[in-house]
Amino acid sequence: MLNKIEQQATNALDDLHQCANFDQTTAKIIAVLYLSKKPLSLDEIYKKVGASKTNCFLKIKRLENLEVIKKIKEKNSKKIGFYFEKNIDKMIFEHMNQRYRTLLVLTKMMFEKIISKYNINELNKEELEQLKILKIQHKKINMFIEKFEKLFSKLSKEIE
């Protein structure tokens, strides 16, 4: 079961984690690992969180895949522990970076797909104007991507 501080941390982190599409159990797992001085086993986590072992395992695997938490094997033991790297600014930065890169790439690809699909000789005047608007927006998104890359590169150096 969560202690008072773990519960408060879970509540405080809940809004943040909802932005990242994490549910309450996932928020509890993160809070427990964030406040732990040492890596915790799956048994320790599920007992504190109050969810089933299977549910916790699935949430932990997702967090591992997202590189939010790390798994380590204890020396001279088969025991596996999980921990949350306490560098929260780096974690938030990486999450934002990944989300925005995905959004920008998808937007750029959407414009490119539409623009490349049409032969300008086969379009009427209205369609040509619309295609022109798309080309302008495509150019703007490319310029924004360049600015984004420079900004995030600078931020990345400052965070590390």
N, C-alpha and C. Protein backbone atom coordinates (compact mmCIF):
# COMPACT_ATOMS: atom_id res chain seq x y z
N MET A 1 0.83 -1.18 0.00
CA MET A 1 0.00 0.00 0.00
C MET A 1 0.88 1.26 0.00
N LEU A 2 0.40 2.30 -0.64
CA LEU A 2 1.16 3.54 -0.71
C LEU A 2 1.14 4.26 0.64
N ASN A 3 2.27 4.84 1.02
CA ASN A 3 2.28 5.67 2.22
C ASN A 3 1.78 7.07 1.84
N LYS A 4 1.70 7.99 2.82
CA LYS A 4 1.12 9.32 2.57
C LYS A 4 1.89 10.10 1.51
N ILE A 5 3.19 10.06 1.58
CA ILE A 5 4.00 10.81 0.62
C ILE A 5 3.86 10.22 -0.78
N GLU A 6 3.89 8.88 -0.87
CA GLU A 6 3.71 8.23 -2.18
C GLU A 6 2.34 8.57 -2.76
N GLN A 7 1.31 8.60 -1.91
CA GLN A 7 -0.04 8.94 -2.38
C GLN A 7 -0.09 10.38 -2.88
N GLN A 8 0.53 11.30 -2.14
CA GLN A 8 0.56 12.70 -2.56
C GLN A 8 1.32 12.85 -3.88
N ALA A 9 2.43 12.15 -4.01
CA ALA A 9 3.21 12.20 -5.25
C ALA A 9 2.40 11.63 -6.41
N THR A 10 1.68 10.54 -6.15
CA THR A 10 0.82 9.95 -7.18
C THR A 10 -0.23 10.95 -7.63
N ASN A 11 -0.88 11.60 -6.67
CA ASN A 11 -1.91 12.59 -7.01
C ASN A 11 -1.32 13.76 -7.80
N ALA A 12 -0.15 14.23 -7.38
CA ALA A 12 0.49 15.35 -8.06
C ALA A 12 0.92 14.99 -9.47
N LEU A 13 1.41 13.75 -9.63
CA LEU A 13 1.89 13.31 -10.94
C LEU A 13 0.76 12.87 -11.88
N ASP A 14 -0.42 12.65 -11.32
CA ASP A 14 -1.51 12.09 -12.11
C ASP A 14 -1.86 12.96 -13.32
N ASP A 15 -1.99 14.27 -13.13
CA ASP A 15 -2.31 15.15 -14.26
C ASP A 15 -1.22 15.10 -15.32
N LEU A 16 0.01 15.13 -14.88
CA LEU A 16 1.14 15.06 -15.80
C LEU A 16 1.12 13.76 -16.59
N HIS A 17 0.84 12.66 -15.91
CA HIS A 17 0.84 11.37 -16.58
C HIS A 17 -0.35 11.18 -17.50
N GLN A 18 -1.48 11.84 -17.20
CA GLN A 18 -2.62 11.76 -18.11
C GLN A 18 -2.27 12.40 -19.44
N CYS A 19 -1.45 13.44 -19.41
CA CYS A 19 -0.98 14.06 -20.65
C CYS A 19 -0.17 13.07 -21.48
N ALA A 20 0.49 12.15 -20.82
CA ALA A 20 1.30 11.14 -21.50
C ALA A 20 0.52 9.84 -21.71
N ASN A 21 -0.79 9.90 -21.50
CA ASN A 21 -1.67 8.74 -21.65
C ASN A 21 -1.34 7.61 -20.68
N PHE A 22 -0.97 7.96 -19.46
CA PHE A 22 -0.73 6.98 -18.42
C PHE A 22 -1.95 6.94 -17.50
N ASP A 23 -2.33 5.75 -17.08
CA ASP A 23 -3.46 5.61 -16.17
C ASP A 23 -2.99 5.73 -14.71
N GLN A 24 -3.94 5.60 -13.79
CA GLN A 24 -3.66 5.76 -12.36
C GLN A 24 -2.64 4.73 -11.85
N THR A 25 -2.76 3.49 -12.29
CA THR A 25 -1.81 2.45 -11.85
C THR A 25 -0.40 2.80 -12.31
N THR A 26 -0.27 3.25 -13.54
CA THR A 26 1.04 3.63 -14.07
C THR A 26 1.60 4.81 -13.28
N ALA A 27 0.75 5.78 -12.96
CA ALA A 27 1.20 6.93 -12.16
C ALA A 27 1.69 6.47 -10.79
N LYS A 28 0.99 5.50 -10.20
CA LYS A 28 1.41 4.97 -8.89
C LYS A 28 2.77 4.29 -9.00
N ILE A 29 2.95 3.50 -10.05
CA ILE A 29 4.23 2.80 -10.25
C ILE A 29 5.37 3.82 -10.37
N ILE A 30 5.14 4.85 -11.16
CA ILE A 30 6.17 5.87 -11.34
C ILE A 30 6.46 6.58 -10.01
N ALA A 31 5.41 6.93 -9.27
CA ALA A 31 5.60 7.62 -7.99
C ALA A 31 6.39 6.75 -7.01
N VAL A 32 6.04 5.48 -6.93
CA VAL A 32 6.73 4.56 -6.01
C VAL A 32 8.21 4.43 -6.40
N LEU A 33 8.48 4.26 -7.69
CA LEU A 33 9.86 4.11 -8.13
C LEU A 33 10.63 5.42 -8.00
N TYR A 34 9.96 6.53 -8.27
CA TYR A 34 10.61 7.83 -8.18
C TYR A 34 11.06 8.13 -6.75
N LEU A 35 10.25 7.72 -5.79
CA LEU A 35 10.56 8.02 -4.38
C LEU A 35 11.42 6.96 -3.70
N SER A 36 11.72 5.89 -4.41
CA SER A 36 12.52 4.81 -3.83
C SER A 36 14.01 5.11 -3.98
N LYS A 37 14.77 4.82 -2.92
CA LYS A 37 16.22 5.00 -2.97
C LYS A 37 16.92 3.87 -3.71
N LYS A 38 16.23 2.74 -3.83
CA LYS A 38 16.84 1.56 -4.45
C LYS A 38 15.86 0.97 -5.47
N PRO A 39 16.38 0.16 -6.40
CA PRO A 39 15.48 -0.53 -7.33
C PRO A 39 14.52 -1.44 -6.57
N LEU A 40 13.31 -1.55 -7.07
CA LEU A 40 12.28 -2.39 -6.43
C LEU A 40 11.94 -3.56 -7.33
N SER A 41 11.65 -4.70 -6.71
CA SER A 41 11.23 -5.88 -7.46
C SER A 41 9.77 -5.73 -7.86
N LEU A 42 9.33 -6.56 -8.78
CA LEU A 42 7.92 -6.56 -9.20
C LEU A 42 7.02 -6.81 -8.00
N ASP A 43 7.40 -7.75 -7.13
CA ASP A 43 6.60 -8.04 -5.93
C ASP A 43 6.46 -6.81 -5.03
N GLU A 44 7.55 -6.10 -4.83
CA GLU A 44 7.51 -4.90 -3.99
C GLU A 44 6.62 -3.83 -4.62
N ILE A 45 6.70 -3.71 -5.93
CA ILE A 45 5.91 -2.69 -6.62
C ILE A 45 4.43 -3.00 -6.54
N TYR A 46 4.04 -4.23 -6.89
CA TYR A 46 2.60 -4.51 -6.93
C TYR A 46 1.98 -4.46 -5.54
N LYS A 47 2.73 -4.82 -4.51
CA LYS A 47 2.20 -4.72 -3.14
C LYS A 47 1.97 -3.26 -2.74
N LYS A 48 2.90 -2.39 -3.11
CA LYS A 48 2.75 -0.97 -2.78
C LYS A 48 1.63 -0.33 -3.59
N VAL A 49 1.56 -0.68 -4.87
CA VAL A 49 0.59 -0.04 -5.78
C VAL A 49 -0.83 -0.54 -5.52
N GLY A 50 -0.96 -1.79 -5.10
CA GLY A 50 -2.28 -2.34 -4.82
C GLY A 50 -3.01 -2.82 -6.05
N ALA A 51 -2.26 -3.14 -7.09
CA ALA A 51 -2.86 -3.69 -8.31
C ALA A 51 -2.36 -5.12 -8.47
N SER A 52 -2.95 -5.84 -9.40
CA SER A 52 -2.53 -7.23 -9.60
C SER A 52 -1.10 -7.28 -10.14
N LYS A 53 -0.46 -8.40 -9.90
CA LYS A 53 0.92 -8.58 -10.36
C LYS A 53 0.98 -8.50 -11.89
N THR A 54 0.00 -9.12 -12.55
CA THR A 54 -0.03 -9.11 -14.02
C THR A 54 -0.20 -7.69 -14.54
N ASN A 55 -1.13 -6.95 -13.95
CA ASN A 55 -1.37 -5.57 -14.36
C ASN A 55 -0.11 -4.73 -14.18
N CYS A 56 0.53 -4.87 -13.03
CA CYS A 56 1.77 -4.13 -12.78
C CYS A 56 2.86 -4.52 -13.77
N PHE A 57 2.97 -5.81 -14.04
CA PHE A 57 3.99 -6.28 -14.98
C PHE A 57 3.78 -5.64 -16.35
N LEU A 58 2.53 -5.62 -16.83
CA LEU A 58 2.24 -5.03 -18.14
C LEU A 58 2.55 -3.53 -18.16
N LYS A 59 2.20 -2.84 -17.10
CA LYS A 59 2.48 -1.40 -17.01
C LYS A 59 3.99 -1.15 -16.97
N ILE A 60 4.70 -1.98 -16.22
CA ILE A 60 6.15 -1.84 -16.12
C ILE A 60 6.81 -2.09 -17.47
N LYS A 61 6.34 -3.10 -18.19
CA LYS A 61 6.89 -3.38 -19.53
C LYS A 61 6.70 -2.18 -20.44
N ARG A 62 5.50 -1.56 -20.38
CA ARG A 62 5.23 -0.38 -21.21
C ARG A 62 6.18 0.76 -20.82
N LEU A 63 6.34 0.98 -19.53
CA LEU A 63 7.23 2.05 -19.07
C LEU A 63 8.68 1.77 -19.46
N GLU A 64 9.05 0.50 -19.43
CA GLU A 64 10.39 0.11 -19.86
C GLU A 64 10.58 0.40 -21.34
N ASN A 65 9.59 0.00 -22.15
CA ASN A 65 9.66 0.24 -23.59
C ASN A 65 9.73 1.73 -23.92
N LEU A 66 9.05 2.54 -23.12
CA LEU A 66 9.08 3.99 -23.30
C LEU A 66 10.34 4.62 -22.69
N GLU A 67 11.17 3.79 -22.07
CA GLU A 67 12.41 4.20 -21.42
C GLU A 67 12.16 5.19 -20.28
N VAL A 68 11.01 5.04 -19.62
CA VAL A 68 10.70 5.86 -18.45
C VAL A 68 11.35 5.23 -17.22
N ILE A 69 11.35 3.90 -17.15
CA ILE A 69 12.01 3.20 -16.05
C ILE A 69 13.03 2.23 -16.64
N LYS A 70 13.93 1.81 -15.79
CA LYS A 70 14.97 0.88 -16.22
C LYS A 70 14.93 -0.38 -15.37
N LYS A 71 15.36 -1.48 -15.99
CA LYS A 71 15.43 -2.76 -15.29
C LYS A 71 16.90 -3.09 -15.08
N ILE A 72 17.22 -3.54 -13.87
CA ILE A 72 18.59 -3.96 -13.60
C ILE A 72 18.58 -5.28 -12.85
N LYS A 73 19.63 -6.04 -13.06
CA LYS A 73 19.81 -7.31 -12.36
C LYS A 73 20.83 -7.08 -11.26
N GLU A 74 20.47 -7.50 -10.06
CA GLU A 74 21.39 -7.32 -8.93
C GLU A 74 22.60 -8.23 -9.09
N LYS A 75 23.75 -7.75 -8.64
CA LYS A 75 24.98 -8.53 -8.72
C LYS A 75 24.86 -9.80 -7.90
N ASN A 76 25.40 -10.88 -8.45
CA ASN A 76 25.41 -12.19 -7.77
C ASN A 76 24.01 -12.65 -7.37
N SER A 77 23.03 -12.32 -8.15
CA SER A 77 21.66 -12.70 -7.84
C SER A 77 20.84 -12.79 -9.12
N LYS A 78 19.74 -13.52 -9.05
CA LYS A 78 18.82 -13.58 -10.18
C LYS A 78 17.74 -12.52 -10.06
N LYS A 79 17.75 -11.82 -8.94
CA LYS A 79 16.71 -10.83 -8.65
C LYS A 79 16.82 -9.63 -9.60
N ILE A 80 15.67 -9.25 -10.14
CA ILE A 80 15.60 -8.12 -11.05
C ILE A 80 14.87 -6.98 -10.34
N GLY A 81 15.41 -5.79 -10.48
CA GLY A 81 14.79 -4.61 -9.90
C GLY A 81 14.49 -3.57 -10.95
N PHE A 82 13.58 -2.68 -10.63
CA PHE A 82 13.21 -1.60 -11.53
C PHE A 82 13.46 -0.28 -10.82
N TYR A 83 13.92 0.70 -11.58
CA TYR A 83 14.13 2.01 -10.97
C TYR A 83 13.78 3.11 -11.96
N PHE A 84 13.52 4.25 -11.40
CA PHE A 84 13.18 5.44 -12.17
C PHE A 84 14.35 6.40 -12.04
N GLU A 85 14.93 6.75 -13.17
CA GLU A 85 16.04 7.70 -13.13
C GLU A 85 15.50 9.05 -12.68
N LYS A 86 16.14 9.63 -11.71
CA LYS A 86 15.61 10.83 -11.06
C LYS A 86 15.78 12.11 -11.89
N ASN A 87 16.21 12.00 -13.11
CA ASN A 87 16.43 13.16 -13.96
C ASN A 87 15.12 13.51 -14.69
N ILE A 88 14.18 14.11 -13.96
CA ILE A 88 12.84 14.33 -14.50
C ILE A 88 12.84 15.34 -15.65
N ASP A 89 13.73 16.33 -15.61
CA ASP A 89 13.76 17.30 -16.70
C ASP A 89 14.17 16.63 -18.01
N LYS A 90 15.11 15.70 -17.92
CA LYS A 90 15.53 14.97 -19.12
C LYS A 90 14.40 14.09 -19.63
N MET A 91 13.67 13.44 -18.72
CA MET A 91 12.56 12.58 -19.12
C MET A 91 11.47 13.39 -19.82
N ILE A 92 11.11 14.53 -19.24
CA ILE A 92 10.08 15.38 -19.85
C ILE A 92 10.55 15.88 -21.20
N PHE A 93 11.81 16.29 -21.27
CA PHE A 93 12.36 16.76 -22.53
C PHE A 93 12.29 15.68 -23.61
N GLU A 94 12.72 14.46 -23.27
CA GLU A 94 12.71 13.37 -24.24
C GLU A 94 11.29 13.06 -24.71
N HIS A 95 10.35 13.07 -23.77
CA HIS A 95 8.95 12.81 -24.12
C HIS A 95 8.42 13.89 -25.06
N MET A 96 8.68 15.15 -24.74
CA MET A 96 8.22 16.24 -25.61
C MET A 96 8.88 16.16 -26.97
N ASN A 97 10.16 15.92 -26.97
CA ASN A 97 10.92 15.83 -28.21
C ASN A 97 10.33 14.75 -29.12
N GLN A 98 10.08 13.59 -28.56
CA GLN A 98 9.53 12.47 -29.35
C GLN A 98 8.14 12.78 -29.88
N ARG A 99 7.28 13.33 -29.03
CA ARG A 99 5.91 13.64 -29.45
C ARG A 99 5.88 14.68 -30.56
N TYR A 100 6.67 15.76 -30.38
CA TYR A 100 6.66 16.81 -31.38
C TYR A 100 7.32 16.38 -32.68
N ARG A 101 8.37 15.60 -32.58
CA ARG A 101 9.00 15.09 -33.81
C ARG A 101 8.01 14.24 -34.60
N THR A 102 7.28 13.38 -33.91
CA THR A 102 6.28 12.54 -34.57
C THR A 102 5.22 13.40 -35.23
N LEU A 103 4.71 14.38 -34.52
CA LEU A 103 3.68 15.26 -35.06
C LEU A 103 4.20 16.02 -36.28
N LEU A 104 5.40 16.56 -36.19
CA LEU A 104 5.96 17.32 -37.30
C LEU A 104 6.21 16.45 -38.52
N VAL A 105 6.76 15.28 -38.32
CA VAL A 105 7.03 14.37 -39.44
C VAL A 105 5.73 13.94 -40.11
N LEU A 106 4.72 13.61 -39.32
CA LEU A 106 3.43 13.21 -39.90
C LEU A 106 2.79 14.36 -40.67
N THR A 107 2.88 15.56 -40.14
CA THR A 107 2.33 16.73 -40.83
C THR A 107 3.06 16.97 -42.15
N LYS A 108 4.37 16.91 -42.11
CA LYS A 108 5.18 17.10 -43.32
C LYS A 108 4.83 16.04 -44.36
N MET A 109 4.72 14.79 -43.93
CA MET A 109 4.40 13.70 -44.86
C MET A 109 3.00 13.86 -45.45
N MET A 110 2.06 14.35 -44.65
CA MET A 110 0.70 14.57 -45.13
C MET A 110 0.71 15.59 -46.27
N PHE A 111 1.42 16.71 -46.07
CA PHE A 111 1.50 17.72 -47.13
C PHE A 111 2.19 17.15 -48.37
N GLU A 112 3.29 16.45 -48.18
CA GLU A 112 4.03 15.89 -49.32
C GLU A 112 3.18 14.90 -50.11
N LYS A 113 2.41 14.10 -49.41
CA LYS A 113 1.56 13.11 -50.08
C LYS A 113 0.51 13.80 -50.96
N ILE A 114 -0.11 14.82 -50.43
CA ILE A 114 -1.14 15.54 -51.19
C ILE A 114 -0.52 16.28 -52.36
N ILE A 115 0.58 16.98 -52.11
CA ILE A 115 1.23 17.78 -53.15
C ILE A 115 1.73 16.91 -54.29
N SER A 116 2.33 15.79 -53.99
CA SER A 116 2.91 14.93 -55.03
C SER A 116 1.86 14.16 -55.83
N LYS A 117 0.66 14.10 -55.31
CA LYS A 117 -0.39 13.30 -55.93
C LYS A 117 -0.95 13.93 -57.21
N TYR A 118 -0.82 15.23 -57.35
CA TYR A 118 -1.50 15.92 -58.44
C TYR A 118 -0.54 16.50 -59.46
N ASN A 119 -0.95 16.39 -60.71
CA ASN A 119 -0.26 17.00 -61.83
C ASN A 119 -0.91 18.36 -62.05
N ILE A 120 -0.13 19.43 -62.01
CA ILE A 120 -0.72 20.77 -62.10
C ILE A 120 -1.46 21.00 -63.42
N ASN A 121 -1.11 20.27 -64.45
CA ASN A 121 -1.78 20.43 -65.75
C ASN A 121 -3.20 19.87 -65.74
N GLU A 122 -3.52 19.06 -64.74
CA GLU A 122 -4.84 18.43 -64.69
C GLU A 122 -5.78 19.11 -63.69
N LEU A 123 -5.36 20.22 -63.12
CA LEU A 123 -6.16 20.88 -62.10
C LEU A 123 -6.83 22.13 -62.63
N ASN A 124 -8.02 22.42 -62.10
CA ASN A 124 -8.69 23.66 -62.47
C ASN A 124 -8.11 24.80 -61.63
N LYS A 125 -8.60 26.02 -61.86
CA LYS A 125 -8.05 27.20 -61.20
C LYS A 125 -8.18 27.13 -59.67
N GLU A 126 -9.33 26.72 -59.19
CA GLU A 126 -9.56 26.62 -57.75
C GLU A 126 -8.63 25.58 -57.12
N GLU A 127 -8.48 24.44 -57.77
CA GLU A 127 -7.60 23.38 -57.26
C GLU A 127 -6.13 23.83 -57.25
N LEU A 128 -5.75 24.60 -58.28
CA LEU A 128 -4.38 25.13 -58.32
C LEU A 128 -4.12 26.07 -57.13
N GLU A 129 -5.11 26.90 -56.82
CA GLU A 129 -4.99 27.80 -55.67
C GLU A 129 -4.86 27.01 -54.36
N GLN A 130 -5.66 25.96 -54.25
CA GLN A 130 -5.60 25.12 -53.05
C GLN A 130 -4.25 24.41 -52.93
N LEU A 131 -3.76 23.93 -54.06
CA LEU A 131 -2.46 23.28 -54.06
C LEU A 131 -1.35 24.27 -53.69
N LYS A 132 -1.51 25.50 -54.17
CA LYS A 132 -0.54 26.56 -53.84
C LYS A 132 -0.53 26.80 -52.32
N ILE A 133 -1.71 26.84 -51.71
CA ILE A 133 -1.81 27.02 -50.26
C ILE A 133 -1.10 25.88 -49.54
N LEU A 134 -1.32 24.65 -50.01
CA LEU A 134 -0.66 23.50 -49.39
C LEU A 134 0.86 23.58 -49.52
N LYS A 135 1.34 24.03 -50.67
CA LYS A 135 2.78 24.16 -50.87
C LYS A 135 3.38 25.21 -49.94
N ILE A 136 2.65 26.30 -49.74
CA ILE A 136 3.11 27.34 -48.82
C ILE A 136 3.18 26.79 -47.40
N GLN A 137 2.14 26.06 -46.99
CA GLN A 137 2.12 25.47 -45.65
C GLN A 137 3.22 24.42 -45.49
N HIS A 138 3.47 23.68 -46.55
CA HIS A 138 4.54 22.68 -46.53
C HIS A 138 5.89 23.36 -46.32
N LYS A 139 6.09 24.46 -47.01
CA LYS A 139 7.34 25.21 -46.86
C LYS A 139 7.47 25.74 -45.43
N LYS A 140 6.36 26.24 -44.87
CA LYS A 140 6.37 26.75 -43.50
C LYS A 140 6.68 25.64 -42.49
N ILE A 141 6.11 24.48 -42.70
CA ILE A 141 6.37 23.38 -41.77
C ILE A 141 7.84 22.95 -41.85
N ASN A 142 8.41 22.97 -43.05
CA ASN A 142 9.83 22.64 -43.19
C ASN A 142 10.72 23.66 -42.47
N MET A 143 10.35 24.93 -42.58
CA MET A 143 11.10 25.98 -41.87
C MET A 143 10.96 25.81 -40.36
N PHE A 144 9.76 25.46 -39.93
CA PHE A 144 9.54 25.24 -38.50
C PHE A 144 10.34 24.05 -38.00
N ILE A 145 10.40 22.99 -38.79
CA ILE A 145 11.17 21.80 -38.41
C ILE A 145 12.64 22.17 -38.21
N GLU A 146 13.18 23.01 -39.10
CA GLU A 146 14.57 23.45 -38.95
C GLU A 146 14.77 24.20 -37.63
N LYS A 147 13.84 25.11 -37.32
CA LYS A 147 13.92 25.87 -36.07
C LYS A 147 13.79 24.94 -34.87
N PHE A 148 12.88 24.00 -34.98
CA PHE A 148 12.65 23.02 -33.91
C PHE A 148 13.91 22.22 -33.65
N GLU A 149 14.55 21.75 -34.72
CA GLU A 149 15.78 20.95 -34.58
C GLU A 149 16.87 21.75 -33.86
N LYS A 150 17.03 23.02 -34.23
CA LYS A 150 18.05 23.85 -33.59
C LYS A 150 17.73 24.08 -32.11
N LEU A 151 16.47 24.38 -31.84
CA LEU A 151 16.04 24.63 -30.46
C LEU A 151 16.23 23.40 -29.59
N PHE A 152 15.77 22.26 -30.07
CA PHE A 152 15.86 21.04 -29.27
C PHE A 152 17.30 20.56 -29.14
N SER A 153 18.11 20.82 -30.14
CA SER A 153 19.53 20.47 -30.05
C SER A 153 20.20 21.30 -28.95
N LYS A 154 19.88 22.58 -28.91
CA LYS A 154 20.43 23.47 -27.88
C LYS A 154 19.95 23.05 -26.49
N LEU A 155 18.65 22.77 -26.37
CA LEU A 155 18.10 22.33 -25.08
C LEU A 155 18.71 21.01 -24.63
N SER A 156 18.91 20.12 -25.57
CA SER A 156 19.48 18.81 -25.25
C SER A 156 20.86 18.96 -24.63
N LYS A 157 21.66 19.85 -25.18
CA LYS A 157 23.01 20.08 -24.65
C LYS A 157 22.96 20.68 -23.25
N GLU A 158 21.98 21.56 -23.01
CA GLU A 158 21.85 22.19 -21.70
C GLU A 158 21.38 21.21 -20.64
N ILE A 159 20.53 20.27 -21.01
CA ILE A 159 19.97 19.31 -20.06
C ILE A 159 21.00 18.26 -19.66
N GLU A 160 21.83 17.85 -20.60
CA GLU A 160 22.82 16.80 -20.30
C GLU A 160 23.96 17.32 -19.53
